[in-house]
Amino acid sequence: MTFTLVALFIVVVAFTAIAIGAFGWAAKTGQFHGLEAGARSIFDTDEPIGRPTDHFPERGRKSKASV
């Protein structure tokens, strides 16, 4: 029982160290810069930000893709 708890503790400490190291690397290399630009990159000029232009088929009618 004691060995299991010690092993679990070592695994938790190792995982935490890896997670902190990965976060530090990401912050150091600039991975968190420009988050807004990445969020806007899915829009093209035909679909302005804040105005969805998706079209959904009416209820009860089958689309050509589902036939």
PDB file of N, CA and C in Angstrom:
ATOM      1  N   MET A   1       0.818  -1.189   0.000  1.00  0.00           N
ATOM      2  CA  MET A   1       0.000   0.000   0.000  1.00  0.00           C
ATOM      3  C   MET A   1       0.862   1.253   0.000  1.00  0.00           C
ATOM      4  N   THR A   2       1.913   1.255   0.794  1.00  0.00           N
ATOM      5  CA  THR A   2       2.790   2.414   0.882  1.00  0.00           C
ATOM      6  C   THR A   2       3.523   2.636  -0.435  1.00  0.00           C
ATOM      7  N   PHE A   3       3.975   1.531  -1.057  1.00  0.00           N
ATOM      8  CA  PHE A   3       4.664   1.647  -2.341  1.00  0.00           C
ATOM      9  C   PHE A   3       3.756   2.261  -3.398  1.00  0.00           C
ATOM     10  N   THR A   4       2.491   1.863  -3.395  1.00  0.00           N
ATOM     11  CA  THR A   4       1.527   2.392  -4.360  1.00  0.00           C
ATOM     12  C   THR A   4       1.339   3.889  -4.181  1.00  0.00           C
ATOM     13  N   LEU A   5       1.230   4.335  -2.954  1.00  0.00           N
ATOM     14  CA  LEU A   5       1.058   5.766  -2.699  1.00  0.00           C
ATOM     15  C   LEU A   5       2.301   6.561  -3.086  1.00  0.00           C
ATOM     16  N   VAL A   6       3.479   6.012  -2.811  1.00  0.00           N
ATOM     17  CA  VAL A   6       4.723   6.693  -3.188  1.00  0.00           C
ATOM     18  C   VAL A   6       4.827   6.778  -4.701  1.00  0.00           C
ATOM     19  N   ALA A   7       4.506   5.696  -5.401  1.00  0.00           N
ATOM     20  CA  ALA A   7       4.555   5.694  -6.862  1.00  0.00           C
ATOM     21  C   ALA A   7       3.557   6.699  -7.435  1.00  0.00           C
ATOM     22  N   LEU A   8       2.365   6.723  -6.876  1.00  0.00           N
ATOM     23  CA  LEU A   8       1.353   7.676  -7.330  1.00  0.00           C
ATOM     24  C   LEU A   8       1.808   9.105  -7.093  1.00  0.00           C
ATOM     25  N   PHE A   9       2.414   9.366  -5.962  1.00  0.00           N
ATOM     26  CA  PHE A   9       2.921  10.704  -5.653  1.00  0.00           C
ATOM     27  C   PHE A   9       4.000  11.113  -6.657  1.00  0.00           C
ATOM     28  N   ILE A  10       4.904  10.198  -6.981  1.00  0.00           N
ATOM     29  CA  ILE A  10       5.967  10.491  -7.954  1.00  0.00           C
ATOM     30  C   ILE A  10       5.376  10.794  -9.329  1.00  0.00           C
ATOM     31  N   VAL A  11       4.380  10.030  -9.724  1.00  0.00           N
ATOM     32  CA  VAL A  11       3.736  10.261 -11.020  1.00  0.00           C
ATOM     33  C   VAL A  11       3.052  11.621 -11.044  1.00  0.00           C
ATOM     34  N   VAL A  12       2.373  11.969  -9.971  1.00  0.00           N
ATOM     35  CA  VAL A  12       1.686  13.266  -9.900  1.00  0.00           C
ATOM     36  C   VAL A  12       2.691  14.414  -9.940  1.00  0.00           C
ATOM     37  N   VAL A  13       3.781  14.290  -9.203  1.00  0.00           N
ATOM     38  CA  VAL A  13       4.812  15.332  -9.202  1.00  0.00           C
ATOM     39  C   VAL A  13       5.446  15.460 -10.589  1.00  0.00           C
ATOM     40  N   ALA A  14       5.715  14.338 -11.239  1.00  0.00           N
ATOM     41  CA  ALA A  14       6.305  14.372 -12.575  1.00  0.00           C
ATOM     42  C   ALA A  14       5.344  15.011 -13.577  1.00  0.00           C
ATOM     43  N   PHE A  15       4.067  14.638 -13.530  1.00  0.00           N
ATOM     44  CA  PHE A  15       3.086  15.217 -14.443  1.00  0.00           C
ATOM     45  C   PHE A  15       2.946  16.717 -14.219  1.00  0.00           C
ATOM     46  N   THR A  16       2.945  17.151 -12.972  1.00  0.00           N
ATOM     47  CA  THR A  16       2.847  18.572 -12.656  1.00  0.00           C
ATOM     48  C   THR A  16       4.072  19.328 -13.177  1.00  0.00           C
ATOM     49  N   ALA A  17       5.249  18.749 -13.006  1.00  0.00           N
ATOM     50  CA  ALA A  17       6.472  19.389 -13.496  1.00  0.00           C
ATOM     51  C   ALA A  17       6.454  19.510 -15.018  1.00  0.00           C
ATOM     52  N   ILE A  18       5.988  18.475 -15.695  1.00  0.00           N
ATOM     53  CA  ILE A  18       5.902  18.521 -17.164  1.00  0.00           C
ATOM     54  C   ILE A  18       4.899  19.581 -17.599  1.00  0.00           C
ATOM     55  N   ALA A  19       3.746  19.664 -16.926  1.00  0.00           N
ATOM     56  CA  ALA A  19       2.733  20.655 -17.279  1.00  0.00           C
ATOM     57  C   ALA A  19       3.247  22.078 -17.062  1.00  0.00           C
ATOM     58  N   ILE A  20       3.931  22.304 -15.964  1.00  0.00           N
ATOM     59  CA  ILE A  20       4.487  23.639 -15.703  1.00  0.00           C
ATOM     60  C   ILE A  20       5.573  23.968 -16.720  1.00  0.00           C
ATOM     61  N   GLY A  21       6.396  22.990 -17.050  1.00  0.00           N
ATOM     62  CA  GLY A  21       7.422  23.204 -18.065  1.00  0.00           C
ATOM     63  C   GLY A  21       6.833  23.521 -19.430  1.00  0.00           C
ATOM     64  N   ALA A  22       5.765  22.818 -19.809  1.00  0.00           N
ATOM     65  CA  ALA A  22       5.116  23.073 -21.097  1.00  0.00           C
ATOM     66  C   ALA A  22       4.489  24.464 -21.120  1.00  0.00           C
ATOM     67  N   PHE A  23       3.875  24.868 -20.022  1.00  0.00           N
ATOM     68  CA  PHE A  23       3.293  26.204 -19.947  1.00  0.00           C
ATOM     69  C   PHE A  23       4.382  27.272 -20.034  1.00  0.00           C
ATOM     70  N   GLY A  24       5.483  27.057 -19.315  1.00  0.00           N
ATOM     71  CA  GLY A  24       6.596  28.008 -19.375  1.00  0.00           C
ATOM     72  C   GLY A  24       7.185  28.122 -20.758  1.00  0.00           C
ATOM     73  N   TRP A  25       7.345  26.982 -21.444  1.00  0.00           N
ATOM     74  CA  TRP A  25       7.857  26.994 -22.820  1.00  0.00           C
ATOM     75  C   TRP A  25       6.916  27.747 -23.744  1.00  0.00           C
ATOM     76  N   ALA A  26       5.602  27.505 -23.606  1.00  0.00           N
ATOM     77  CA  ALA A  26       4.630  28.175 -24.461  1.00  0.00           C
ATOM     78  C   ALA A  26       4.632  29.683 -24.227  1.00  0.00           C
ATOM     79  N   ALA A  27       4.732  30.095 -22.978  1.00  0.00           N
ATOM     80  CA  ALA A  27       4.766  31.524 -22.676  1.00  0.00           C
ATOM     81  C   ALA A  27       6.059  32.152 -23.186  1.00  0.00           C
ATOM     82  N   LYS A  28       7.165  31.440 -23.065  1.00  0.00           N
ATOM     83  CA  LYS A  28       8.476  31.965 -23.479  1.00  0.00           C
ATOM     84  C   LYS A  28       8.583  32.103 -24.995  1.00  0.00           C
ATOM     85  N   THR A  29       7.970  31.188 -25.730  1.00  0.00           N
ATOM     86  CA  THR A  29       8.078  31.222 -27.195  1.00  0.00           C
ATOM     87  C   THR A  29       6.972  32.036 -27.848  1.00  0.00           C
ATOM     88  N   GLY A  30       6.090  32.654 -27.061  1.00  0.00           N
ATOM     89  CA  GLY A  30       5.089  33.548 -27.619  1.00  0.00           C
ATOM     90  C   GLY A  30       3.832  32.864 -28.118  1.00  0.00           C
ATOM     91  N   GLN A  31       3.520  31.703 -27.622  1.00  0.00           N
ATOM     92  CA  GLN A  31       2.333  30.989 -28.076  1.00  0.00           C
ATOM     93  C   GLN A  31       1.039  31.676 -27.635  1.00  0.00           C
ATOM     94  N   PHE A  32       1.095  32.525 -26.626  1.00  0.00           N
ATOM     95  CA  PHE A  32      -0.103  33.181 -26.123  1.00  0.00           C
ATOM     96  C   PHE A  32      -0.276  34.593 -26.665  1.00  0.00           C
ATOM     97  N   HIS A  33       0.563  35.002 -27.586  1.00  0.00           N
ATOM     98  CA  HIS A  33       0.430  36.323 -28.197  1.00  0.00           C
ATOM     99  C   HIS A  33      -0.535  36.238 -29.372  1.00  0.00           C
ATOM    100  N   GLY A  34      -1.358  37.224 -29.534  1.00  0.00           N
ATOM    101  CA  GLY A  34      -2.251  37.294 -30.685  1.00  0.00           C
ATOM    102  C   GLY A  34      -3.401  36.307 -30.649  1.00  0.00           C
ATOM    103  N   LEU A  35      -3.971  36.073 -29.496  1.00  0.00           N
ATOM    104  CA  LEU A  35      -5.096  35.140 -29.407  1.00  0.00           C
ATOM    105  C   LEU A  35      -6.317  35.661 -30.159  1.00  0.00           C
ATOM    106  N   GLU A  36      -6.518  36.957 -30.175  1.00  0.00           N
ATOM    107  CA  GLU A  36      -7.656  37.542 -30.886  1.00  0.00           C
ATOM    108  C   GLU A  36      -7.534  37.332 -32.396  1.00  0.00           C
ATOM    109  N   ALA A  37      -6.335  37.473 -32.929  1.00  0.00           N
ATOM    110  CA  ALA A  37      -6.147  37.293 -34.372  1.00  0.00           C
ATOM    111  C   ALA A  37      -6.448  35.860 -34.783  1.00  0.00           C
ATOM    112  N   GLY A  38      -6.074  34.909 -33.949  1.00  0.00           N
ATOM    113  CA  GLY A  38      -6.367  33.521 -34.258  1.00  0.00           C
ATOM    114  C   GLY A  38      -7.855  33.236 -34.241  1.00  0.00           C
ATOM    115  N   ALA A  39      -8.568  33.887 -33.340  1.00  0.00           N
ATOM    116  CA  ALA A  39     -10.011  33.684 -33.261  1.00  0.00           C
ATOM    117  C   ALA A  39     -10.723  34.296 -34.460  1.00  0.00           C
ATOM    118  N   ARG A  40     -10.173  35.351 -35.012  1.00  0.00           N
ATOM    119  CA  ARG A  40     -10.795  36.005 -36.168  1.00  0.00           C
ATOM    120  C   ARG A  40     -10.422  35.346 -37.490  1.00  0.00           C
ATOM    121  N   SER A  41      -9.434  34.494 -37.488  1.00  0.00           N
ATOM    122  CA  SER A  41      -8.948  33.936 -38.753  1.00  0.00           C
ATOM    123  C   SER A  41      -9.935  32.981 -39.413  1.00  0.00           C
ATOM    124  N   ILE A  42     -10.976  32.543 -38.696  1.00  0.00           N
ATOM    125  CA  ILE A  42     -11.945  31.634 -39.304  1.00  0.00           C
ATOM    126  C   ILE A  42     -12.955  32.367 -40.166  1.00  0.00           C
ATOM    127  N   PHE A  43     -13.008  33.692 -40.064  1.00  0.00           N
ATOM    128  CA  PHE A  43     -13.940  34.479 -40.849  1.00  0.00           C
ATOM    129  C   PHE A  43     -13.272  34.943 -42.130  1.00  0.00           C
ATOM    130  N   ASP A  44     -14.003  34.934 -43.222  1.00  0.00           N
ATOM    131  CA  ASP A  44     -13.480  35.502 -44.449  1.00  0.00           C
ATOM    132  C   ASP A  44     -14.198  36.822 -44.711  1.00  0.00           C
ATOM    133  N   THR A  45     -13.955  37.430 -45.846  1.00  0.00           N
ATOM    134  CA  THR A  45     -14.542  38.742 -46.122  1.00  0.00           C
ATOM    135  C   THR A  45     -16.044  38.671 -46.351  1.00  0.00           C
ATOM    136  N   ASP A  46     -16.567  37.497 -46.711  1.00  0.00           N
ATOM    137  CA  ASP A  46     -18.004  37.367 -46.934  1.00  0.00           C
ATOM    138  C   ASP A  46     -18.786  37.188 -45.639  1.00  0.00           C
ATOM    139  N   GLU A  47     -18.121  36.884 -44.552  1.00  0.00           N
ATOM    140  CA  GLU A  47     -18.789  36.675 -43.270  1.00  0.00           C
ATOM    141  C   GLU A  47     -18.142  37.560 -42.216  1.00  0.00           C
ATOM    142  N   PRO A  48     -18.692  38.744 -42.019  1.00  0.00           N
ATOM    143  CA  PRO A  48     -18.104  39.667 -41.055  1.00  0.00           C
ATOM    144  C   PRO A  48     -18.215  39.145 -39.625  1.00  0.00           C
ATOM    145  N   ILE A  49     -17.348  39.630 -38.790  1.00  0.00           N
ATOM    146  CA  ILE A  49     -17.323  39.211 -37.383  1.00  0.00           C
ATOM    147  C   ILE A  49     -18.606  39.652 -36.700  1.00  0.00           C
ATOM    148  N   GLY A  50     -19.222  38.723 -35.986  1.00  0.00           N
ATOM    149  CA  GLY A  50     -20.418  39.033 -35.224  1.00  0.00           C
ATOM    150  C   GLY A  50     -21.723  38.840 -35.969  1.00  0.00           C
ATOM    151  N   ARG A  51     -21.665  38.491 -37.261  1.00  0.00           N
ATOM    152  CA  ARG A  51     -22.901  38.295 -38.023  1.00  0.00           C
ATOM    153  C   ARG A  51     -22.834  36.948 -38.728  1.00  0.00           C
ATOM    154  N   PRO A  52     -23.431  35.905 -38.145  1.00  0.00           N
ATOM    155  CA  PRO A  52     -23.373  34.590 -38.776  1.00  0.00           C
ATOM    156  C   PRO A  52     -24.182  34.567 -40.065  1.00  0.00           C
ATOM    157  N   THR A  53     -23.659  33.894 -41.061  1.00  0.00           N
ATOM    158  CA  THR A  53     -24.344  33.795 -42.349  1.00  0.00           C
ATOM    159  C   THR A  53     -24.615  32.345 -42.724  1.00  0.00           C
ATOM    160  N   ASP A  54     -24.558  31.445 -41.749  1.00  0.00           N
ATOM    161  CA  ASP A  54     -24.838  30.038 -42.024  1.00  0.00           C
ATOM    162  C   ASP A  54     -26.306  29.855 -42.352  1.00  0.00           C
ATOM    163  N   HIS A  55     -26.581  28.880 -43.198  1.00  0.00           N
ATOM    164  CA  HIS A  55     -27.958  28.575 -43.565  1.00  0.00           C
ATOM    165  C   HIS A  55     -28.268  27.162 -43.132  1.00  0.00           C
ATOM    166  N   PHE A  56     -29.360  26.990 -42.418  1.00  0.00           N
ATOM    167  CA  PHE A  56     -29.794  25.674 -41.977  1.00  0.00           C
ATOM    168  C   PHE A  56     -31.094  25.334 -42.691  1.00  0.00           C
ATOM    169  N   PRO A  57     -31.249  24.100 -43.139  1.00  0.00           N
ATOM    170  CA  PRO A  57     -32.488  23.734 -43.835  1.00  0.00           C
ATOM    171  C   PRO A  57     -33.683  23.808 -42.901  1.00  0.00           C
ATOM    172  N   GLU A  58     -34.826  24.032 -43.505  1.00  0.00           N
ATOM    173  CA  GLU A  58     -36.043  24.128 -42.704  1.00  0.00           C
ATOM    174  C   GLU A  58     -36.367  22.785 -42.083  1.00  0.00           C
ATOM    175  N   ARG A  59     -37.048  22.819 -40.983  1.00  0.00           N
ATOM    176  CA  ARG A  59     -37.419  21.598 -40.280  1.00  0.00           C
ATOM    177  C   ARG A  59     -38.445  20.822 -41.123  1.00  0.00           C
ATOM    178  N   GLY A  60     -38.255  19.521 -41.217  1.00  0.00           N
ATOM    179  CA  GLY A  60     -39.175  18.678 -41.961  1.00  0.00           C
ATOM    180  C   GLY A  60     -38.775  18.445 -43.399  1.00  0.00           C
ATOM    181  N   ARG A  61     -37.882  19.233 -43.923  1.00  0.00           N
ATOM    182  CA  ARG A  61     -37.406  19.054 -45.297  1.00  0.00           C
ATOM    183  C   ARG A  61     -36.053  18.387 -45.263  1.00  0.00           C
ATOM    184  N   LYS A  62     -35.862  17.403 -46.110  1.00  0.00           N
ATOM    185  CA  LYS A  62     -34.575  16.720 -46.187  1.00  0.00           C
ATOM    186  C   LYS A  62     -33.658  17.465 -47.138  1.00  0.00           C
ATOM    187  N   SER A  63     -32.414  17.566 -46.737  1.00  0.00           N
ATOM    188  CA  SER A  63     -31.439  18.182 -47.620  1.00  0.00           C
ATOM    189  C   SER A  63     -30.911  17.155 -48.598  1.00  0.00           C
ATOM    190  N   LYS A  64     -30.255  17.628 -49.657  1.00  0.00           N
ATOM    191  CA  LYS A  64     -29.709  16.719 -50.658  1.00  0.00           C
ATOM    192  C   LYS A  64     -28.618  15.833 -50.083  1.00  0.00           C
ATOM    193  N   ALA A  65     -27.890  16.324 -49.071  1.00  0.00           N
ATOM    194  CA  ALA A  65     -26.800  15.552 -48.482  1.00  0.00           C
ATOM    195  C   ALA A  65     -27.313  14.363 -47.671  1.00  0.00           C
ATOM    196  N   SER A  66     -28.514  14.459 -47.112  1.00  0.00           N
ATOM    197  CA  SER A  66     -29.016  13.393 -46.271  1.00  0.00           C
ATOM    198  C   SER A  66     -29.772  12.321 -47.059  1.00  0.00           C
ATOM    199  N   VAL A  67     -29.972  12.544 -48.350  1.00  0.00           N
ATOM    200  CA  VAL A  67     -30.715  11.576 -49.167  1.00  0.00           C
ATOM    201  C   VAL A  67     -29.848  10.453 -49.609  1.00  0.00           C
TER     202      VAL A  67
END
